[in-house]
Amino acid sequence: MTTRTATGPATDQWAAEVRRLADERGAVILAHNYQRPEIQDVAHHTGDSLALSRLAVEVAAETIVFCGVHFMAETAKILSPEKTVLLPEPAAGCSLADTITAADVRAWRAEHPGAIVVAYVNTTAAVKAESDICCTSSNAADVIRSVPADREILFLPDQFLGAHVKRVTGRDNIHVWMGECHVHAGIDGDTLRRRAAEEPDAELFVHPECGCATSALYLVGAGTVPQERVKVLSTGGMLAAAEQTSADKVLIATETGMLHQLRAANAHTVFEPVNSRAECHYMKMITAEKLLGSLRDGTTEITVPEDVAARARRSVERMVAIGAPSRGGE
């Protein structure tokens, strides 16, 4: 996660006004790694959704302006119920979170009595409330290993992350919900194989939500790409790896907004997307004007019903008790 002052693509006048309004409101601006570059640059802190939500608990500010998508602002509110959480664009949703509802979880659980429901943090508060424990992409395997071996597991909602977890844990009693992020699903195996062939010396950073995650490991297994060149990583993990790599070029398989952080972390390495069209239009709905308006007018406040928040908080806290990752979540 990155903490910064207002610099970079943000215009000086706009950035100064954003920071002035934030000071006036007693607000801290949190921006997800997939946000527009100017939003990332003006934010007080930039990172992945869970790291930012945990930070929302720690900061002294009474108001959190969350530049991300709706479930992220909800998670911040769940963990910081006493604070005001603003989302500059309330229509900023998530195709992955939308693949499952609380009613779906209850029905699925009814089909598998006694199963443990593990929910990726990229879910709504209502879905978290129906789950037993949450996970991030970087600690999902540890969460699965914490479940007794004889218990069935219902993993939701991402099918690619679910497949990755089954592979690395060797657990065969995991049922996986067939949801996907439309952006990550679009980064497919054929595209990855082509790009890897075009750039034989490049490293590959692959997010486990990607449709190409299995293909990346196949390339390693087939000997097409050396194992040391392929890393399946969360966004926080990508940033840590970017700071340490000495590669001339790294191909990135995730939403293209991540490139801004990676390039800032390491100016000596060229970071290129596996799929240059992998852009989440929901993430890009928060514009410079909308952030300014949110700070000026207090729009839009995110609330979560107390009973839902309490049950969702339990699922997140169980994950944290196992050990949340130090460099981010999804």
Protein backbone atom coordinates (compact mmCIF):
# COMPACT_ATOMS: atom_id res chain seq x y z
CA MET A 1 0.00 0.00 0.00
CA THR A 2 1.23 3.47 -0.88
CA THR A 3 1.00 6.69 1.12
CA ARG A 4 1.66 9.84 -0.83
CA THR A 5 1.20 13.55 -1.25
CA ALA A 6 -0.71 15.03 -4.18
CA THR A 7 1.64 14.78 -7.19
CA GLY A 8 1.76 13.31 -10.66
CA PRO A 9 -1.02 13.52 -13.29
CA ALA A 10 -3.36 15.43 -10.95
CA THR A 11 -3.39 19.12 -11.87
CA ASP A 12 -1.96 21.32 -9.16
CA GLN A 13 -5.09 23.44 -8.84
CA TRP A 14 -7.50 20.50 -8.67
CA ALA A 15 -5.27 18.54 -6.31
CA ALA A 16 -4.87 21.52 -3.99
CA GLU A 17 -8.64 22.00 -3.85
CA VAL A 18 -9.23 18.30 -3.17
CA ARG A 19 -6.74 18.31 -0.32
CA ARG A 20 -8.16 21.59 1.05
CA LEU A 21 -11.68 20.17 1.12
CA ALA A 22 -10.41 16.95 2.69
CA ASP A 23 -8.74 18.94 5.46
CA GLU A 24 -11.87 21.04 5.93
CA ARG A 25 -14.07 17.94 6.22
CA GLY A 26 -11.56 16.02 8.34
CA ALA A 27 -11.47 13.32 5.69
CA VAL A 28 -8.91 10.84 4.43
CA ILE A 29 -9.00 9.80 0.77
CA LEU A 30 -8.40 6.11 0.03
CA ALA A 31 -7.90 4.97 -3.57
CA HIS A 32 -7.85 1.45 -4.95
CA ASN A 33 -4.97 0.35 -7.18
CA TYR A 34 -7.33 0.19 -10.19
CA GLN A 35 -8.47 3.81 -9.97
CA ARG A 36 -7.57 6.48 -12.51
CA PRO A 37 -3.96 7.73 -12.12
CA GLU A 38 -5.01 11.21 -11.02
CA ILE A 39 -7.22 9.73 -8.28
CA GLN A 40 -4.38 7.50 -7.07
CA ASP A 41 -1.99 10.45 -7.02
CA VAL A 42 -4.22 12.76 -4.99
CA ALA A 43 -5.27 10.11 -2.46
CA HIS A 44 -3.71 10.02 0.97
CA HIS A 45 -3.33 6.24 0.68
CA THR A 46 -3.47 3.82 -2.28
CA GLY A 47 -3.76 0.05 -2.07
CA ASP A 48 -6.09 -2.93 -2.39
CA SER A 49 -9.57 -3.04 -0.90
CA LEU A 50 -8.90 -4.92 2.32
CA ALA A 51 -5.69 -3.07 3.18
CA LEU A 52 -7.53 0.22 2.69
CA SER A 53 -10.51 -0.92 4.77
CA ARG A 54 -8.19 -1.94 7.60
CA LEU A 55 -6.44 1.41 7.30
CA ALA A 56 -9.83 3.11 7.61
CA VAL A 57 -10.01 1.66 11.13
CA GLU A 58 -6.59 2.99 12.07
CA VAL A 59 -6.69 6.57 10.79
CA ALA A 60 -7.92 9.34 13.05
CA ALA A 61 -10.13 10.90 10.36
CA GLU A 62 -13.87 10.77 11.03
CA THR A 63 -14.71 10.66 7.32
CA ILE A 64 -13.43 8.12 4.79
CA VAL A 65 -13.71 8.94 1.08
CA PHE A 66 -13.33 5.56 -0.60
CA CYS A 67 -12.38 5.74 -4.27
CA GLY A 68 -13.19 2.22 -5.34
CA VAL A 69 -16.38 0.21 -5.87
CA HIS A 70 -19.42 -0.28 -3.68
CA PHE A 71 -18.46 -3.47 -1.82
CA MET A 72 -15.15 -1.87 -0.82
CA ALA A 73 -16.87 1.13 0.77
CA GLU A 74 -19.24 -1.31 2.51
CA THR A 75 -16.29 -3.24 3.94
CA ALA A 76 -14.77 -0.03 5.27
CA LYS A 77 -18.09 0.82 6.91
CA ILE A 78 -18.37 -2.68 8.42
CA LEU A 79 -14.94 -2.34 10.01
CA SER A 80 -15.43 1.33 11.00
CA PRO A 81 -19.13 1.65 11.87
CA GLU A 82 -18.61 4.88 13.80
CA LYS A 83 -17.10 6.67 10.80
CA THR A 84 -18.74 8.34 7.82
CA VAL A 85 -17.84 6.52 4.61
CA LEU A 86 -18.37 8.31 1.30
CA LEU A 87 -18.32 6.73 -2.17
CA PRO A 88 -18.01 9.41 -4.88
CA GLU A 89 -19.97 7.32 -7.40
CA PRO A 90 -22.65 5.05 -5.87
CA ALA A 91 -23.20 3.28 -9.22
CA ALA A 92 -19.66 1.91 -9.13
CA GLY A 93 -20.45 -1.78 -8.74
CA CYS A 94 -18.56 -5.03 -9.31
CA SER A 95 -19.36 -7.76 -11.82
CA LEU A 96 -17.82 -10.40 -9.54
CA ALA A 97 -19.74 -9.36 -6.41
CA ASP A 98 -22.92 -9.31 -8.51
CA THR A 99 -22.62 -13.02 -9.36
CA ILE A 100 -23.98 -14.12 -5.97
CA THR A 101 -26.61 -12.90 -3.52
CA ALA A 102 -27.33 -13.62 0.13
CA ALA A 103 -30.28 -15.79 -0.97
CA ASP A 104 -27.93 -17.77 -3.22
CA VAL A 105 -25.62 -18.46 -0.26
CA ARG A 106 -28.50 -19.64 1.93
CA ALA A 107 -29.77 -21.97 -0.81
CA TRP A 108 -26.28 -23.34 -1.52
CA ARG A 109 -25.66 -23.93 2.18
CA ALA A 110 -28.97 -25.81 2.43
CA GLU A 111 -27.71 -28.21 -0.25
CA HIS A 112 -24.55 -28.90 1.78
CA PRO A 113 -25.45 -29.12 5.49
CA GLY A 114 -22.43 -28.69 7.71
CA ALA A 115 -20.26 -27.09 5.03
CA ILE A 116 -18.08 -24.06 5.81
CA VAL A 117 -18.76 -21.04 3.61
CA VAL A 118 -15.61 -19.14 2.63
CA ALA A 119 -16.26 -15.79 0.96
CA TYR A 120 -13.74 -13.77 -0.99
CA VAL A 121 -13.68 -10.16 0.27
CA ASN A 122 -14.94 -9.09 -3.18
CA THR A 123 -18.53 -9.65 -2.07
CA THR A 124 -21.37 -7.56 -0.72
CA ALA A 125 -21.96 -7.04 2.99
CA ALA A 126 -25.10 -9.20 2.74
CA VAL A 127 -23.09 -12.11 1.30
CA LYS A 128 -20.34 -11.72 3.91
CA ALA A 129 -23.06 -11.85 6.58
CA GLU A 130 -24.20 -15.27 5.30
CA SER A 131 -20.64 -16.63 5.25
CA ASP A 132 -18.50 -18.23 7.96
CA ILE A 133 -15.17 -16.66 7.11
CA CYS A 134 -13.72 -14.29 4.52
CA CYS A 135 -10.44 -14.49 2.62
CA THR A 136 -8.29 -12.47 0.25
CA SER A 137 -6.53 -13.76 -2.84
CA SER A 138 -3.22 -13.86 -0.97
CA ASN A 139 -4.43 -15.66 2.18
CA ALA A 140 -7.18 -17.84 0.67
CA ALA A 141 -5.03 -20.97 0.90
CA ASP A 142 -4.29 -20.35 4.59
CA VAL A 143 -7.99 -19.82 5.28
CA ILE A 144 -8.82 -23.10 3.52
CA ARG A 145 -6.13 -24.93 5.49
CA SER A 146 -7.65 -23.62 8.73
CA VAL A 147 -10.85 -25.58 8.01
CA PRO A 148 -10.83 -29.18 9.34
CA ALA A 149 -9.98 -31.61 6.55
CA ASP A 150 -13.24 -33.53 6.95
CA ARG A 151 -15.47 -30.47 6.43
CA GLU A 152 -16.89 -29.56 3.05
CA ILE A 153 -16.09 -26.04 1.88
CA LEU A 154 -18.26 -23.77 -0.23
CA PHE A 155 -15.94 -21.22 -1.84
CA LEU A 156 -17.44 -18.10 -3.39
CA PRO A 157 -17.77 -16.31 -5.70
CA ASP A 158 -14.70 -16.45 -7.98
CA GLN A 159 -14.23 -19.65 -9.95
CA PHE A 160 -10.64 -18.91 -10.98
CA LEU A 161 -9.47 -18.09 -7.45
CA GLY A 162 -11.37 -21.16 -6.27
CA ALA A 163 -9.59 -23.37 -8.80
CA HIS A 164 -6.25 -21.89 -7.76
CA VAL A 165 -6.95 -22.59 -4.09
CA LYS A 166 -7.99 -26.18 -4.81
CA ARG A 167 -4.77 -26.67 -6.75
CA VAL A 168 -2.39 -25.28 -4.11
CA THR A 169 -4.10 -26.87 -1.08
CA GLY A 170 -4.87 -30.25 -2.62
CA ARG A 171 -8.31 -30.20 -1.00
CA ASP A 172 -10.87 -32.15 -3.05
CA ASN A 173 -13.90 -31.32 -0.90
CA ILE A 174 -14.17 -27.69 -2.07
CA HIS A 175 -17.22 -26.67 -4.07
CA VAL A 176 -16.64 -23.51 -6.10
CA TRP A 177 -19.25 -20.95 -7.12
CA MET A 178 -19.04 -20.24 -10.85
CA GLY A 179 -18.66 -16.45 -10.63
CA GLU A 180 -16.04 -14.31 -12.30
CA CYS A 181 -14.78 -10.77 -12.69
CA HIS A 182 -15.52 -9.91 -16.31
CA VAL A 183 -12.24 -8.00 -16.61
CA HIS A 184 -10.00 -10.73 -15.21
CA ALA A 185 -11.90 -13.47 -17.05
CA GLY A 186 -11.08 -11.60 -20.27
CA ILE A 187 -7.35 -12.06 -19.69
CA ASP A 188 -7.38 -15.55 -21.14
CA GLY A 189 -4.86 -18.32 -21.59
CA ASP A 190 -4.44 -17.85 -25.35
CA THR A 191 -3.53 -14.19 -24.86
CA LEU A 192 -1.07 -15.05 -22.09
CA ARG A 193 0.61 -17.76 -24.15
CA ARG A 194 0.97 -15.42 -27.12
CA ARG A 195 2.42 -12.60 -25.03
CA ALA A 196 4.81 -14.97 -23.24
CA ALA A 197 6.05 -16.23 -26.64
CA GLU A 198 6.53 -12.65 -27.86
CA GLU A 199 8.49 -11.70 -24.72
CA PRO A 200 10.56 -14.82 -23.86
CA ASP A 201 12.67 -13.02 -21.25
CA ALA A 202 9.85 -11.20 -19.45
CA GLU A 203 8.54 -12.14 -16.03
CA LEU A 204 4.81 -12.80 -15.62
CA PHE A 205 2.77 -11.40 -12.70
CA VAL A 206 -0.66 -13.04 -12.78
CA HIS A 207 -3.63 -12.27 -10.54
CA PRO A 208 -5.42 -15.48 -9.43
CA GLU A 209 -8.79 -14.04 -10.53
CA CYS A 210 -7.58 -14.18 -14.13
CA GLY A 211 -8.87 -16.68 -16.63
CA CYS A 212 -5.23 -17.28 -17.56
CA ALA A 213 -3.99 -18.29 -14.10
CA THR A 214 -4.24 -22.00 -14.91
CA SER A 215 -2.52 -21.42 -18.26
CA ALA A 216 0.34 -19.63 -16.51
CA LEU A 217 1.01 -22.67 -14.35
CA TYR A 218 0.62 -24.93 -17.41
CA LEU A 219 3.36 -22.96 -19.17
CA VAL A 220 5.60 -23.67 -16.19
CA GLY A 221 4.66 -27.35 -16.08
CA ALA A 222 5.29 -27.75 -19.79
CA GLY A 223 8.67 -26.09 -19.50
CA THR A 224 7.63 -23.29 -21.86
CA VAL A 225 8.32 -20.64 -19.23
CA PRO A 226 10.79 -21.11 -16.35
CA GLN A 227 9.09 -21.38 -12.97
CA GLU A 228 11.04 -18.44 -11.54
CA ARG A 229 9.54 -16.13 -14.18
CA VAL A 230 5.89 -16.82 -13.25
CA LYS A 231 4.32 -15.40 -10.09
CA VAL A 232 0.63 -15.72 -9.17
CA LEU A 233 0.07 -12.70 -6.92
CA SER A 234 -2.50 -10.45 -5.31
CA THR A 235 -2.26 -6.76 -6.21
CA GLY A 236 -0.38 -6.13 -2.97
CA GLY A 237 1.93 -9.00 -3.85
CA MET A 238 2.54 -7.53 -7.30
CA LEU A 239 3.63 -4.24 -5.78
CA ALA A 240 6.05 -5.98 -3.41
CA ALA A 241 7.44 -8.09 -6.27
CA ALA A 242 7.79 -5.02 -8.50
CA GLU A 243 9.95 -3.33 -5.90
CA GLN A 244 12.29 -6.32 -5.82
CA THR A 245 12.49 -7.49 -9.43
CA SER A 246 15.55 -6.88 -11.59
CA ALA A 247 13.79 -7.99 -14.79
CA ASP A 248 13.94 -5.69 -17.80
CA LYS A 249 10.25 -6.33 -18.50
CA VAL A 250 7.27 -7.73 -16.60
CA LEU A 251 3.94 -8.68 -18.19
CA ILE A 252 1.01 -7.93 -15.90
CA ALA A 253 -2.21 -9.95 -15.91
CA THR A 254 -4.69 -7.84 -13.98
CA GLU A 255 -6.71 -4.64 -14.41
CA THR A 256 -4.57 -2.02 -16.17
CA GLY A 257 -4.91 0.57 -13.39
CA MET A 258 -2.33 -1.45 -11.44
CA LEU A 259 0.38 -0.41 -13.89
CA HIS A 260 0.46 3.11 -12.43
CA GLN A 261 1.56 1.83 -9.02
CA LEU A 262 4.03 -0.69 -10.45
CA ARG A 263 5.73 1.87 -12.67
CA ALA A 264 6.01 4.28 -9.75
CA ALA A 265 7.56 1.54 -7.60
CA ASN A 266 10.25 0.58 -10.11
CA ALA A 267 11.34 2.94 -12.86
CA HIS A 268 14.02 0.54 -14.14
CA THR A 269 11.61 -2.19 -15.25
CA VAL A 270 9.10 -1.96 -18.10
CA PHE A 271 5.64 -3.08 -16.99
CA GLU A 272 3.19 -3.98 -19.76
CA PRO A 273 -0.33 -5.45 -19.63
CA VAL A 274 -1.00 -8.93 -20.94
CA ASN A 275 -4.29 -7.50 -22.22
CA SER A 276 -4.30 -3.73 -22.74
CA ARG A 277 -8.12 -3.73 -22.84
CA ALA A 278 -8.45 -5.16 -19.31
CA GLU A 279 -10.07 -2.07 -17.83
CA CYS A 280 -12.88 -2.05 -15.26
CA HIS A 281 -15.38 0.62 -16.22
CA TYR A 282 -16.79 0.54 -12.69
CA MET A 283 -13.42 1.51 -11.23
CA LYS A 284 -13.06 4.30 -13.74
CA MET A 285 -16.49 5.78 -12.87
CA ILE A 286 -14.89 7.86 -10.12
CA THR A 287 -13.57 10.94 -11.89
CA ALA A 288 -11.75 14.06 -10.72
CA GLU A 289 -15.03 15.98 -10.73
CA LYS A 290 -16.90 13.32 -8.74
CA LEU A 291 -14.21 13.15 -6.08
CA LEU A 292 -14.31 16.93 -5.73
CA GLY A 293 -18.12 16.86 -5.51
CA SER A 294 -18.07 14.14 -2.87
CA LEU A 295 -15.77 16.17 -0.66
CA ARG A 296 -17.73 19.35 -1.23
CA ASP A 297 -21.25 17.94 -0.83
CA GLY A 298 -20.73 14.83 1.30
CA THR A 299 -21.99 12.44 -1.36
CA THR A 300 -22.66 9.54 -1.28
CA GLU A 301 -22.76 8.15 2.26
CA ILE A 302 -22.61 4.35 2.52
CA THR A 303 -24.60 2.62 5.25
CA VAL A 304 -24.95 -1.05 6.23
CA PRO A 305 -27.82 -2.32 8.43
CA GLU A 306 -26.51 -3.05 11.93
CA ASP A 307 -27.51 -6.72 11.97
CA VAL A 308 -25.90 -7.35 8.56
CA ALA A 309 -22.76 -5.42 9.53
CA ALA A 310 -22.37 -7.38 12.77
CA ARG A 311 -22.53 -10.76 11.03
CA ALA A 312 -20.29 -9.61 8.17
CA ARG A 313 -17.77 -8.21 10.65
CA ARG A 314 -17.60 -11.61 12.34
CA SER A 315 -16.59 -13.25 9.05
CA VAL A 316 -13.89 -10.68 8.38
CA GLU A 317 -12.54 -10.85 11.95
CA ARG A 318 -12.26 -14.64 11.73
CA MET A 319 -10.06 -14.19 8.68
CA VAL A 320 -7.91 -11.60 10.44
CA ALA A 321 -7.49 -13.97 13.41
CA ILE A 322 -5.92 -16.53 11.05
CA GLY A 323 -3.57 -13.88 9.74
CA ALA A 324 -4.30 -11.24 7.17
CA PRO A 325 -1.56 -10.58 4.60
CA SER A 326 0.93 -7.83 5.37
CA ARG A 327 1.05 -6.48 1.81
CA GLY A 328 -2.57 -6.41 0.86
CA GLY A 329 -5.49 -8.54 -0.07
CA GLU A 330 -7.22 -8.87 -3.36
